[in-house]
Amino acid sequence: MNVLDQAHGDNWSLYNADSAEVLPALPEESVGLSVYSPPFASLYVYSPSERDLGNSASRGQFWEHFRFIIDGVKRLTWPGRLTAVHVSNIATTLASHGVIGVEDFRGDTIRAYTEAGWIYHGEIAIQKNPQAQAIRTHAKALLFVQLRKDSSWSRPALLDYILLFRKPGENIVPVHPDISNDQWIEWANGIWLGIQENDTLNVAEGRDADDERHICPLQLGVIERCIRLWSNPGETILTPFAGIGSEVYQAVKLGRKGVGIELKPRYFQTAVRNVRRAEADNAAVDLFSFAGVNA
C-alpha cells in the first residue's frame, strides 16, 4: 500500500494516501459503519492529483474510478451493516453543461451502489437554507431578483441527502442506539431539520492558496446522528474521504474507533490535528469524571 504519511492514536488511524490503494489493504469485514461525503463528480476539485476523483475527465471516468471505493468499502463492512453516503444533486450551467438545470447525482449514486451489490436501504433529506445557498453558489434560480423578474427560472434549494446502503448478509451484532423514542420519531421522519450549515470543523487551515474550490465538510450534527443511529460504542467508523477529519473526529468523540483516508497532504495534516484535539478533549472529560467533577 502506497502511503505518503500516516498517524495513529489509541482509537483512530489516518492515512495520507489514495483510498483505492488503502482500502484493499485493511482487514476484511472490520468496519461497523462508514460515513463519508465523496466528491460530487467534478463539482469540487480538491487537488491537482490525477488520483483525485474530482479531476475525472468525464462522468464515465468518475464512476469507473469511484467503483473501486464502493467495492473497497463493501469488502470492509460487516455483513448486514450500513454505509452512509452524503450527496447532493448538481446544478448545471451554460458554461459547463450547455444548459441551466439540475443533474441527478443522487440517482446516479444509488444506481452505482446497487450495481455493486449493496442494498438500497433508504435516505434522509437534509433541509437547506435557500438564501445561504444562493449567496454561496450565486445560482440564478435562487435569487430574489430572478423571482421577481421571471419565476419560471426559480427552483427550490438543492437538498443534501444521506443515502443508506446495507451490505447483504445477517448482522450478528445488534446495534442499540443511545436515543429516546422521541428522538427516533424526529430522526426517522425522512427529513433532518435543525442541522446548522456552519456546524463544521474549521476549514481555513486546510485550504491551500491554489485550491480551485473550497472544501465543504459534512456538518458534525449529521455525522453524529449517523454514528449514534447505526453503530455501537467501540465499533470502527470508516471514511475513505477524510478531508479535514470530521468523521473520525466525531467517531472518537462518541466513543468509537475511527479510520480515515485522505489524498491531499494539507487536509491530512489538518485532520490529524483535529482528531488529536478530540482525543485530548475526551481525556480531559475522563479526568474530570475520575475526580468526581461534573465537566
C-alpha atoms as a PDB file:
ATOM      1  CA  MET A   1       0.000   0.000   0.000  1.00  0.00           C
ATOM      2  CA  ASN A   2       1.451   3.356  -1.101  1.00  0.00           C
ATOM      3  CA  VAL A   3       1.060   5.677   1.907  1.00  0.00           C
ATOM      4  CA  LEU A   4       2.613   9.149   1.918  1.00  0.00           C
ATOM      5  CA  ASP A   5       2.092   9.600   5.652  1.00  0.00           C
ATOM      6  CA  GLN A   6       0.044   8.154   8.481  1.00  0.00           C
ATOM      7  CA  ALA A   7      -0.870   8.908  12.088  1.00  0.00           C
ATOM      8  CA  HIS A   8      -2.442   6.804  14.825  1.00  0.00           C
ATOM      9  CA  GLY A   9      -3.967   7.136  18.272  1.00  0.00           C
ATOM     10  CA  ASP A  10      -5.497   4.711  20.733  1.00  0.00           C
ATOM     11  CA  ASN A  11      -8.817   4.743  18.853  1.00  0.00           C
ATOM     12  CA  TRP A  12      -8.033   6.147  15.409  1.00  0.00           C
ATOM     13  CA  SER A  13      -5.876   5.904  12.322  1.00  0.00           C
ATOM     14  CA  LEU A  14      -5.449   8.378   9.457  1.00  0.00           C
ATOM     15  CA  TYR A  15      -3.688   7.672   6.170  1.00  0.00           C
ATOM     16  CA  ASN A  16      -2.430  10.208   3.633  1.00  0.00           C
ATOM     17  CA  ALA A  17      -2.944   8.084   0.543  1.00  0.00           C
ATOM     18  CA  ASP A  18      -5.292   7.048  -2.247  1.00  0.00           C
ATOM     19  CA  SER A  19      -8.336   5.220  -0.858  1.00  0.00           C
ATOM     20  CA  ALA A  20      -8.344   2.897  -3.856  1.00  0.00           C
ATOM     21  CA  GLU A  21      -4.977   1.562  -2.642  1.00  0.00           C
ATOM     22  CA  VAL A  22      -5.516   1.619   1.130  1.00  0.00           C
ATOM     23  CA  LEU A  23      -8.975   0.015   1.296  1.00  0.00           C
ATOM     24  CA  PRO A  24      -7.826  -3.362  -0.139  1.00  0.00           C
ATOM     25  CA  ALA A  25      -5.029  -3.485   2.451  1.00  0.00           C
ATOM     26  CA  LEU A  26      -7.277  -3.045   5.507  1.00  0.00           C
ATOM     27  CA  PRO A  27      -8.720  -6.099   7.326  1.00  0.00           C
ATOM     28  CA  GLU A  28     -11.791  -7.577   5.639  1.00  0.00           C
ATOM     29  CA  GLU A  29     -15.126  -7.117   7.478  1.00  0.00           C
ATOM     30  CA  SER A  30     -13.576  -4.886  10.138  1.00  0.00           C
ATOM     31  CA  VAL A  31     -15.921  -1.866   9.882  1.00  0.00           C
ATOM     32  CA  GLY A  32     -19.261  -1.411  11.640  1.00  0.00           C
ATOM     33  CA  LEU A  33     -20.291   1.737   9.764  1.00  0.00           C
ATOM     34  CA  SER A  34     -18.889   4.107   7.169  1.00  0.00           C
ATOM     35  CA  VAL A  35     -19.878   7.762   6.813  1.00  0.00           C
ATOM     36  CA  TYR A  36     -18.462   9.972   4.073  1.00  0.00           C
ATOM     37  CA  SER A  37     -19.018  12.658   1.512  1.00  0.00           C
ATOM     38  CA  PRO A  38     -17.465  11.696  -1.837  1.00  0.00           C
ATOM     39  CA  PRO A  39     -16.566  14.313  -4.453  1.00  0.00           C
ATOM     40  CA  PHE A  40     -19.709  15.282  -6.355  1.00  0.00           C
ATOM     41  CA  ALA A  41     -18.296  14.316  -9.756  1.00  0.00           C
ATOM     42  CA  SER A  42     -16.401  17.413 -10.979  1.00  0.00           C
ATOM     43  CA  LEU A  43     -18.276  19.919  -8.804  1.00  0.00           C
ATOM     44  CA  TYR A  44     -15.425  20.207  -6.296  1.00  0.00           C
ATOM     45  CA  VAL A  45     -11.756  19.869  -7.235  1.00  0.00           C
ATOM     46  CA  TYR A  46      -9.684  19.365  -4.112  1.00  0.00           C
ATOM     47  CA  SER A  47      -6.198  18.793  -5.509  1.00  0.00           C
ATOM     48  CA  PRO A  48      -4.252  18.627  -8.799  1.00  0.00           C
ATOM     49  CA  SER A  49      -3.653  14.875  -8.396  1.00  0.00           C
ATOM     50  CA  GLU A  50      -4.847  12.577 -11.180  1.00  0.00           C
ATOM     51  CA  ARG A  51      -5.921  10.240  -8.360  1.00  0.00           C
ATOM     52  CA  ASP A  52      -8.462  12.820  -7.173  1.00  0.00           C
ATOM     53  CA  LEU A  53     -11.985  11.736  -8.152  1.00  0.00           C
ATOM     54  CA  GLY A  54     -12.879  15.376  -8.709  1.00  0.00           C
ATOM     55  CA  ASN A  55     -10.374  15.537 -11.562  1.00  0.00           C
ATOM     56  CA  SER A  56     -12.073  12.871 -13.688  1.00  0.00           C
ATOM     57  CA  ALA A  57     -12.218  13.824 -17.348  1.00  0.00           C
ATOM     58  CA  SER A  58     -15.796  12.610 -17.775  1.00  0.00           C
ATOM     59  CA  ARG A  59     -18.762  11.279 -15.816  1.00  0.00           C
ATOM     60  CA  GLY A  60     -17.973   7.791 -17.088  1.00  0.00           C
ATOM     61  CA  GLN A  61     -14.410   8.010 -15.806  1.00  0.00           C
ATOM     62  CA  PHE A  62     -15.661   9.322 -12.454  1.00  0.00           C
ATOM     63  CA  TRP A  63     -17.975   6.348 -11.905  1.00  0.00           C
ATOM     64  CA  GLU A  64     -15.328   3.886 -13.108  1.00  0.00           C
ATOM     65  CA  HIS A  65     -12.866   5.325 -10.590  1.00  0.00           C
ATOM     66  CA  PHE A  66     -15.453   5.575  -7.809  1.00  0.00           C
ATOM     67  CA  ARG A  67     -16.348   1.881  -8.227  1.00  0.00           C
ATOM     68  CA  PHE A  68     -13.004   0.973  -6.609  1.00  0.00           C
ATOM     69  CA  ILE A  69     -14.090   2.875  -3.491  1.00  0.00           C
ATOM     70  CA  ILE A  70     -17.610   1.423  -3.464  1.00  0.00           C
ATOM     71  CA  ASP A  71     -16.231  -2.119  -3.700  1.00  0.00           C
ATOM     72  CA  GLY A  72     -13.495  -1.431  -1.154  1.00  0.00           C
ATOM     73  CA  VAL A  73     -15.922  -0.139   1.467  1.00  0.00           C
ATOM     74  CA  LYS A  74     -18.204  -3.127   0.851  1.00  0.00           C
ATOM     75  CA  ARG A  75     -15.348  -5.574   1.457  1.00  0.00           C
ATOM     76  CA  LEU A  76     -14.542  -3.940   4.801  1.00  0.00           C
ATOM     77  CA  THR A  77     -18.119  -3.672   6.079  1.00  0.00           C
ATOM     78  CA  TRP A  78     -19.642  -6.285   8.364  1.00  0.00           C
ATOM     79  CA  PRO A  79     -22.498  -8.215   6.728  1.00  0.00           C
ATOM     80  CA  GLY A  80     -25.840  -6.584   7.431  1.00  0.00           C
ATOM     81  CA  ARG A  81     -24.267  -3.220   8.304  1.00  0.00           C
ATOM     82  CA  LEU A  82     -24.582   0.153   6.592  1.00  0.00           C
ATOM     83  CA  THR A  83     -22.676   2.750   4.646  1.00  0.00           C
ATOM     84  CA  ALA A  84     -23.993   6.335   4.845  1.00  0.00           C
ATOM     85  CA  VAL A  85     -23.153   8.381   1.751  1.00  0.00           C
ATOM     86  CA  HIS A  86     -23.620  12.156   1.719  1.00  0.00           C
ATOM     87  CA  VAL A  87     -24.579  13.543  -1.696  1.00  0.00           C
ATOM     88  CA  SER A  88     -26.435  16.391  -3.366  1.00  0.00           C
ATOM     89  CA  ASN A  89     -27.777  16.913  -6.839  1.00  0.00           C
ATOM     90  CA  ILE A  90     -25.671  19.142  -9.072  1.00  0.00           C
ATOM     91  CA  ALA A  91     -26.762  22.398 -10.660  1.00  0.00           C
ATOM     92  CA  THR A  92     -25.749  22.539 -14.320  1.00  0.00           C
ATOM     93  CA  THR A  93     -24.531  25.716 -16.032  1.00  0.00           C
ATOM     94  CA  LEU A  94     -24.417  27.039 -19.578  1.00  0.00           C
ATOM     95  CA  ALA A  95     -20.630  27.261 -19.454  1.00  0.00           C
ATOM     96  CA  SER A  96     -20.004  23.696 -18.249  1.00  0.00           C
ATOM     97  CA  HIS A  97     -23.075  21.739 -19.408  1.00  0.00           C
ATOM     98  CA  GLY A  98     -24.691  23.825 -22.134  1.00  0.00           C
ATOM     99  CA  VAL A  99     -27.940  24.142 -20.185  1.00  0.00           C
ATOM    100  CA  ILE A 100     -29.157  25.524 -16.864  1.00  0.00           C
ATOM    101  CA  GLY A 101     -30.788  22.729 -14.893  1.00  0.00           C
ATOM    102  CA  VAL A 102     -30.129  20.018 -12.315  1.00  0.00           C
ATOM    103  CA  GLU A 103     -28.201  16.767 -12.696  1.00  0.00           C
ATOM    104  CA  ASP A 104     -29.476  13.739 -10.747  1.00  0.00           C
ATOM    105  CA  PHE A 105     -26.240  12.845  -8.944  1.00  0.00           C
ATOM    106  CA  ARG A 106     -28.276  11.321  -6.122  1.00  0.00           C
ATOM    107  CA  GLY A 107     -29.957   8.868  -8.514  1.00  0.00           C
ATOM    108  CA  ASP A 108     -26.678   8.020 -10.228  1.00  0.00           C
ATOM    109  CA  THR A 109     -25.150   7.226  -6.827  1.00  0.00           C
ATOM    110  CA  ILE A 110     -28.000   4.890  -5.915  1.00  0.00           C
ATOM    111  CA  ARG A 111     -27.606   3.045  -9.213  1.00  0.00           C
ATOM    112  CA  ALA A 112     -23.825   2.751  -8.780  1.00  0.00           C
ATOM    113  CA  TYR A 113     -24.099   1.233  -5.298  1.00  0.00           C
ATOM    114  CA  THR A 114     -26.883  -1.207  -6.144  1.00  0.00           C
ATOM    115  CA  GLU A 115     -24.996  -2.348  -9.265  1.00  0.00           C
ATOM    116  CA  ALA A 116     -22.034  -3.053  -6.942  1.00  0.00           C
ATOM    117  CA  GLY A 117     -24.178  -5.361  -4.787  1.00  0.00           C
ATOM    118  CA  TRP A 118     -25.231  -3.010  -1.993  1.00  0.00           C
ATOM    119  CA  ILE A 119     -28.898  -2.998  -0.934  1.00  0.00           C
ATOM    120  CA  TYR A 120     -30.520   0.444  -1.100  1.00  0.00           C
ATOM    121  CA  HIS A 121     -31.757   0.900   2.473  1.00  0.00           C
ATOM    122  CA  GLY A 122     -33.295   4.385   2.463  1.00  0.00           C
ATOM    123  CA  GLU A 123     -32.386   8.041   2.554  1.00  0.00           C
ATOM    124  CA  ILE A 124     -32.611  11.215   4.613  1.00  0.00           C
ATOM    125  CA  ALA A 125     -33.080  14.653   3.096  1.00  0.00           C
ATOM    126  CA  ILE A 126     -31.344  17.475   4.956  1.00  0.00           C
ATOM    127  CA  GLN A 127     -33.100  20.831   4.964  1.00  0.00           C
ATOM    128  CA  LYS A 128     -31.117  23.645   3.328  1.00  0.00           C
ATOM    129  CA  ASN A 129     -31.407  27.414   3.534  1.00  0.00           C
ATOM    130  CA  PRO A 130     -32.108  28.759   0.010  1.00  0.00           C
ATOM    131  CA  GLN A 131     -30.704  32.210   0.829  1.00  0.00           C
ATOM    132  CA  ALA A 132     -27.457  30.778   2.176  1.00  0.00           C
ATOM    133  CA  GLN A 133     -27.185  28.549  -0.886  1.00  0.00           C
ATOM    134  CA  ALA A 134     -27.838  31.499  -3.213  1.00  0.00           C
ATOM    135  CA  ILE A 135     -25.098  33.525  -1.535  1.00  0.00           C
ATOM    136  CA  ARG A 136     -22.635  30.633  -1.705  1.00  0.00           C
ATOM    137  CA  THR A 137     -23.347  29.430  -5.258  1.00  0.00           C
ATOM    138  CA  HIS A 138     -24.752  32.561  -6.966  1.00  0.00           C
ATOM    139  CA  ALA A 139     -27.396  30.309  -8.521  1.00  0.00           C
ATOM    140  CA  LYS A 140     -29.672  32.359 -10.758  1.00  0.00           C
ATOM    141  CA  ALA A 141     -32.609  30.113  -9.835  1.00  0.00           C
ATOM    142  CA  LEU A 142     -32.433  31.092  -6.138  1.00  0.00           C
ATOM    143  CA  LEU A 143     -32.050  34.861  -6.415  1.00  0.00           C
ATOM    144  CA  PHE A 144     -34.766  37.257  -5.285  1.00  0.00           C
ATOM    145  CA  VAL A 145     -34.176  39.344  -8.404  1.00  0.00           C
ATOM    146  CA  GLN A 146     -34.975  36.336 -10.606  1.00  0.00           C
ATOM    147  CA  LEU A 147     -38.060  35.522  -8.545  1.00  0.00           C
ATOM    148  CA  ARG A 148     -39.420  38.991  -9.288  1.00  0.00           C
ATOM    149  CA  LYS A 149     -38.165  39.118 -12.882  1.00  0.00           C
ATOM    150  CA  ASP A 150     -39.375  35.688 -14.121  1.00  0.00           C
ATOM    151  CA  SER A 151     -40.092  32.930 -11.618  1.00  0.00           C
ATOM    152  CA  SER A 152     -40.165  30.252 -14.336  1.00  0.00           C
ATOM    153  CA  TRP A 153     -36.392  30.154 -13.738  1.00  0.00           C
ATOM    154  CA  SER A 154     -36.801  29.808  -9.956  1.00  0.00           C
ATOM    155  CA  ARG A 155     -36.418  26.429  -8.209  1.00  0.00           C
ATOM    156  CA  PRO A 156     -36.063  25.088  -4.659  1.00  0.00           C
ATOM    157  CA  ALA A 157     -32.689  24.857  -2.950  1.00  0.00           C
ATOM    158  CA  LEU A 158     -30.732  21.686  -3.663  1.00  0.00           C
ATOM    159  CA  LEU A 159     -31.058  19.434  -0.621  1.00  0.00           C
ATOM    160  CA  ASP A 160     -28.315  17.319   0.858  1.00  0.00           C
ATOM    161  CA  TYR A 161     -29.028  13.597   1.241  1.00  0.00           C
ATOM    162  CA  ILE A 162     -27.677  10.771   3.332  1.00  0.00           C
ATOM    163  CA  LEU A 163     -28.107   7.659   1.186  1.00  0.00           C
ATOM    164  CA  LEU A 164     -28.081   4.422   3.171  1.00  0.00           C
ATOM    165  CA  PHE A 165     -26.904   1.133   1.687  1.00  0.00           C
ATOM    166  CA  ARG A 166     -26.769  -2.199   3.503  1.00  0.00           C
ATOM    167  CA  LYS A 167     -24.269  -4.945   2.827  1.00  0.00           C
ATOM    168  CA  PRO A 168     -26.047  -8.254   2.172  1.00  0.00           C
ATOM    169  CA  GLY A 169     -25.932 -10.794   4.972  1.00  0.00           C
ATOM    170  CA  GLU A 170     -27.024 -11.146   8.577  1.00  0.00           C
ATOM    171  CA  ASN A 171     -25.921  -8.610  11.164  1.00  0.00           C
ATOM    172  CA  ILE A 172     -24.664 -10.733  14.052  1.00  0.00           C
ATOM    173  CA  VAL A 173     -24.060  -7.789  16.442  1.00  0.00           C
ATOM    174  CA  PRO A 174     -27.303  -5.829  17.001  1.00  0.00           C
ATOM    175  CA  VAL A 175     -26.998  -2.052  17.135  1.00  0.00           C
ATOM    176  CA  HIS A 176     -28.564  -0.442  20.215  1.00  0.00           C
ATOM    177  CA  PRO A 177     -28.770   3.354  19.705  1.00  0.00           C
ATOM    178  CA  ASP A 178     -28.492   5.623  22.741  1.00  0.00           C
ATOM    179  CA  ILE A 179     -31.515   7.687  21.693  1.00  0.00           C
ATOM    180  CA  SER A 180     -35.026   8.120  23.052  1.00  0.00           C
ATOM    181  CA  ASN A 181     -38.206   7.173  21.212  1.00  0.00           C
ATOM    182  CA  ASP A 182     -38.921  10.886  20.705  1.00  0.00           C
ATOM    183  CA  GLN A 183     -35.515  11.349  19.074  1.00  0.00           C
ATOM    184  CA  TRP A 184     -36.209   8.332  16.862  1.00  0.00           C
ATOM    185  CA  ILE A 185     -39.512   9.833  15.728  1.00  0.00           C
ATOM    186  CA  GLU A 186     -37.745  13.098  14.873  1.00  0.00           C
ATOM    187  CA  TRP A 187     -34.815  11.472  13.083  1.00  0.00           C
ATOM    188  CA  ALA A 188     -36.892   8.835  11.263  1.00  0.00           C
ATOM    189  CA  ASN A 189     -39.302  11.212   9.525  1.00  0.00           C
ATOM    190  CA  GLY A 190     -37.127  11.317   6.400  1.00  0.00           C
ATOM    191  CA  ILE A 191     -36.101  14.972   6.704  1.00  0.00           C
ATOM    192  CA  TRP A 192     -33.472  16.153   9.153  1.00  0.00           C
ATOM    193  CA  LEU A 193     -34.253  19.620  10.450  1.00  0.00           C
ATOM    194  CA  GLY A 194     -32.110  21.728  12.734  1.00  0.00           C
ATOM    195  CA  ILE A 195     -28.781  20.925  11.055  1.00  0.00           C
ATOM    196  CA  GLN A 196     -26.731  24.133  11.150  1.00  0.00           C
ATOM    197  CA  GLU A 197     -24.763  24.613   7.932  1.00  0.00           C
ATOM    198  CA  ASN A 198     -21.843  26.152   9.826  1.00  0.00           C
ATOM    199  CA  ASP A 199     -21.649  23.275  12.331  1.00  0.00           C
ATOM    200  CA  THR A 200     -18.338  22.106  10.901  1.00  0.00           C
ATOM    201  CA  LEU A 201     -14.705  21.882  11.843  1.00  0.00           C
ATOM    202  CA  ASN A 202     -12.684  24.959  10.925  1.00  0.00           C
ATOM    203  CA  VAL A 203     -11.689  24.589   7.286  1.00  0.00           C
ATOM    204  CA  ALA A 204      -9.491  27.673   6.874  1.00  0.00           C
ATOM    205  CA  GLU A 205      -6.279  25.927   7.926  1.00  0.00           C
ATOM    206  CA  GLY A 206      -6.979  23.084   5.496  1.00  0.00           C
ATOM    207  CA  ARG A 207      -7.097  25.270   2.403  1.00  0.00           C
ATOM    208  CA  ASP A 208      -4.267  25.990   0.022  1.00  0.00           C
ATOM    209  CA  ALA A 209      -3.922  29.224  -1.927  1.00  0.00           C
ATOM    210  CA  ASP A 210      -4.178  27.309  -5.220  1.00  0.00           C
ATOM    211  CA  ASP A 211      -7.310  25.343  -4.332  1.00  0.00           C
ATOM    212  CA  GLU A 212      -9.729  25.520  -7.240  1.00  0.00           C
ATOM    213  CA  ARG A 213     -12.734  25.016  -4.967  1.00  0.00           C
ATOM    214  CA  HIS A 214     -13.011  25.402  -1.228  1.00  0.00           C
ATOM    215  CA  ILE A 215     -13.638  22.349   0.906  1.00  0.00           C
ATOM    216  CA  CYS A 216     -17.184  21.837   2.211  1.00  0.00           C
ATOM    217  CA  PRO A 217     -17.008  19.482   5.207  1.00  0.00           C
ATOM    218  CA  LEU A 218     -20.022  17.498   6.321  1.00  0.00           C
ATOM    219  CA  GLN A 219     -21.796  19.023   9.306  1.00  0.00           C
ATOM    220  CA  LEU A 220     -20.842  17.488  12.654  1.00  0.00           C
ATOM    221  CA  GLY A 221     -24.513  17.111  13.594  1.00  0.00           C
ATOM    222  CA  VAL A 222     -25.175  14.940  10.540  1.00  0.00           C
ATOM    223  CA  ILE A 223     -22.213  12.712  11.331  1.00  0.00           C
ATOM    224  CA  GLU A 224     -23.261  12.435  14.973  1.00  0.00           C
ATOM    225  CA  ARG A 225     -26.773  11.283  14.074  1.00  0.00           C
ATOM    226  CA  CYS A 226     -25.423   8.655  11.672  1.00  0.00           C
ATOM    227  CA  ILE A 227     -22.936   7.289  14.200  1.00  0.00           C
ATOM    228  CA  ARG A 228     -25.419   7.210  17.072  1.00  0.00           C
ATOM    229  CA  LEU A 229     -28.153   5.600  14.982  1.00  0.00           C
ATOM    230  CA  TRP A 230     -26.197   2.891  13.179  1.00  0.00           C
ATOM    231  CA  SER A 231     -23.200   1.878  15.290  1.00  0.00           C
ATOM    232  CA  ASN A 232     -22.345   0.773  18.813  1.00  0.00           C
ATOM    233  CA  PRO A 233     -19.659   2.254  21.094  1.00  0.00           C
ATOM    234  CA  GLY A 234     -16.274   0.707  20.425  1.00  0.00           C
ATOM    235  CA  GLU A 235     -17.002  -0.159  16.789  1.00  0.00           C
ATOM    236  CA  THR A 236     -14.935   1.131  13.885  1.00  0.00           C
ATOM    237  CA  ILE A 237     -16.214   4.014  11.744  1.00  0.00           C
ATOM    238  CA  LEU A 238     -14.613   4.404   8.311  1.00  0.00           C
ATOM    239  CA  THR A 239     -14.345   7.336   5.918  1.00  0.00           C
ATOM    240  CA  PRO A 240     -12.484   6.914   2.610  1.00  0.00           C
ATOM    241  CA  PHE A 241     -12.706  10.699   2.050  1.00  0.00           C
ATOM    242  CA  ALA A 242     -11.481  12.056   5.376  1.00  0.00           C
ATOM    243  CA  GLY A 243     -10.946  15.667   4.319  1.00  0.00           C
ATOM    244  CA  ILE A 244     -10.129  17.609   7.488  1.00  0.00           C
ATOM    245  CA  GLY A 245     -11.159  14.655   9.662  1.00  0.00           C
ATOM    246  CA  SER A 246     -14.787  15.382  10.586  1.00  0.00           C
ATOM    247  CA  GLU A 247     -16.000  11.764  10.610  1.00  0.00           C
ATOM    248  CA  VAL A 248     -13.000  10.406  12.533  1.00  0.00           C
ATOM    249  CA  TYR A 249     -13.245  13.367  14.926  1.00  0.00           C
ATOM    250  CA  GLN A 250     -16.878  12.541  15.707  1.00  0.00           C
ATOM    251  CA  ALA A 251     -16.158   8.819  15.957  1.00  0.00           C
ATOM    252  CA  VAL A 252     -13.551   9.466  18.646  1.00  0.00           C
ATOM    253  CA  LYS A 253     -15.771  11.979  20.465  1.00  0.00           C
ATOM    254  CA  LEU A 254     -18.630   9.455  20.523  1.00  0.00           C
ATOM    255  CA  GLY A 255     -16.592   6.546  21.896  1.00  0.00           C
ATOM    256  CA  ARG A 256     -15.957   4.717  18.629  1.00  0.00           C
ATOM    257  CA  LYS A 257     -12.801   3.969  16.664  1.00  0.00           C
ATOM    258  CA  GLY A 258     -12.140   5.968  13.522  1.00  0.00           C
ATOM    259  CA  VAL A 259     -10.264   5.144  10.321  1.00  0.00           C
ATOM    260  CA  GLY A 260      -9.850   7.795   7.643  1.00  0.00           C
ATOM    261  CA  ILE A 261      -8.041   8.076   4.325  1.00  0.00           C
ATOM    262  CA  GLU A 262      -7.227  11.432   2.726  1.00  0.00           C
ATOM    263  CA  LEU A 263      -5.358  12.070  -0.510  1.00  0.00           C
ATOM    264  CA  LYS A 264      -4.352  15.703  -0.026  1.00  0.00           C
ATOM    265  CA  PRO A 265      -1.417  16.250   2.408  1.00  0.00           C
ATOM    266  CA  ARG A 266      -2.698  19.600   3.728  1.00  0.00           C
ATOM    267  CA  TYR A 267      -6.121  18.167   4.553  1.00  0.00           C
ATOM    268  CA  PHE A 268      -4.497  15.105   6.115  1.00  0.00           C
ATOM    269  CA  GLN A 269      -2.337  17.272   8.392  1.00  0.00           C
ATOM    270  CA  THR A 270      -5.382  19.288   9.456  1.00  0.00           C
ATOM    271  CA  ALA A 271      -7.340  16.074  10.078  1.00  0.00           C
ATOM    272  CA  VAL A 272      -4.605  14.754  12.364  1.00  0.00           C
ATOM    273  CA  ARG A 273      -4.688  17.955  14.422  1.00  0.00           C
ATOM    274  CA  ASN A 274      -8.475  17.860  14.665  1.00  0.00           C
ATOM    275  CA  VAL A 275      -8.622  14.216  15.740  1.00  0.00           C
ATOM    276  CA  ARG A 276      -5.875  14.689  18.299  1.00  0.00           C
ATOM    277  CA  ARG A 277      -7.929  17.549  19.730  1.00  0.00           C
ATOM    278  CA  ALA A 278     -10.944  15.226  20.056  1.00  0.00           C
ATOM    279  CA  GLU A 279      -8.718  12.676  21.780  1.00  0.00           C
ATOM    280  CA  ALA A 280      -7.445  15.328  24.198  1.00  0.00           C
ATOM    281  CA  ASP A 281     -10.983  16.561  24.918  1.00  0.00           C
ATOM    282  CA  ASN A 282     -12.078  13.007  25.762  1.00  0.00           C
ATOM    283  CA  ALA A 283      -9.079  12.560  28.037  1.00  0.00           C
ATOM    284  CA  ALA A 284      -9.917  15.800  29.881  1.00  0.00           C
ATOM    285  CA  VAL A 285     -13.517  14.667  30.421  1.00  0.00           C
ATOM    286  CA  ASP A 286     -12.279  11.315  31.710  1.00  0.00           C
ATOM    287  CA  LEU A 287     -10.034  13.099  34.227  1.00  0.00           C
ATOM    288  CA  PHE A 288     -12.956  15.198  35.455  1.00  0.00           C
ATOM    289  CA  SER A 289     -15.064  12.054  35.810  1.00  0.00           C
ATOM    290  CA  PHE A 290     -12.309  10.296  37.729  1.00  0.00           C
ATOM    291  CA  ALA A 291     -12.114  13.252  40.107  1.00  0.00           C
ATOM    292  CA  GLY A 292     -15.881  13.245  40.595  1.00  0.00           C
ATOM    293  CA  VAL A 293     -16.302  16.628  38.930  1.00  0.00           C
ATOM    294  CA  ASN A 294     -19.207  17.337  36.600  1.00  0.00           C
ATOM    295  CA  ALA A 295     -17.483  18.632  33.442  1.00  0.00           C
END
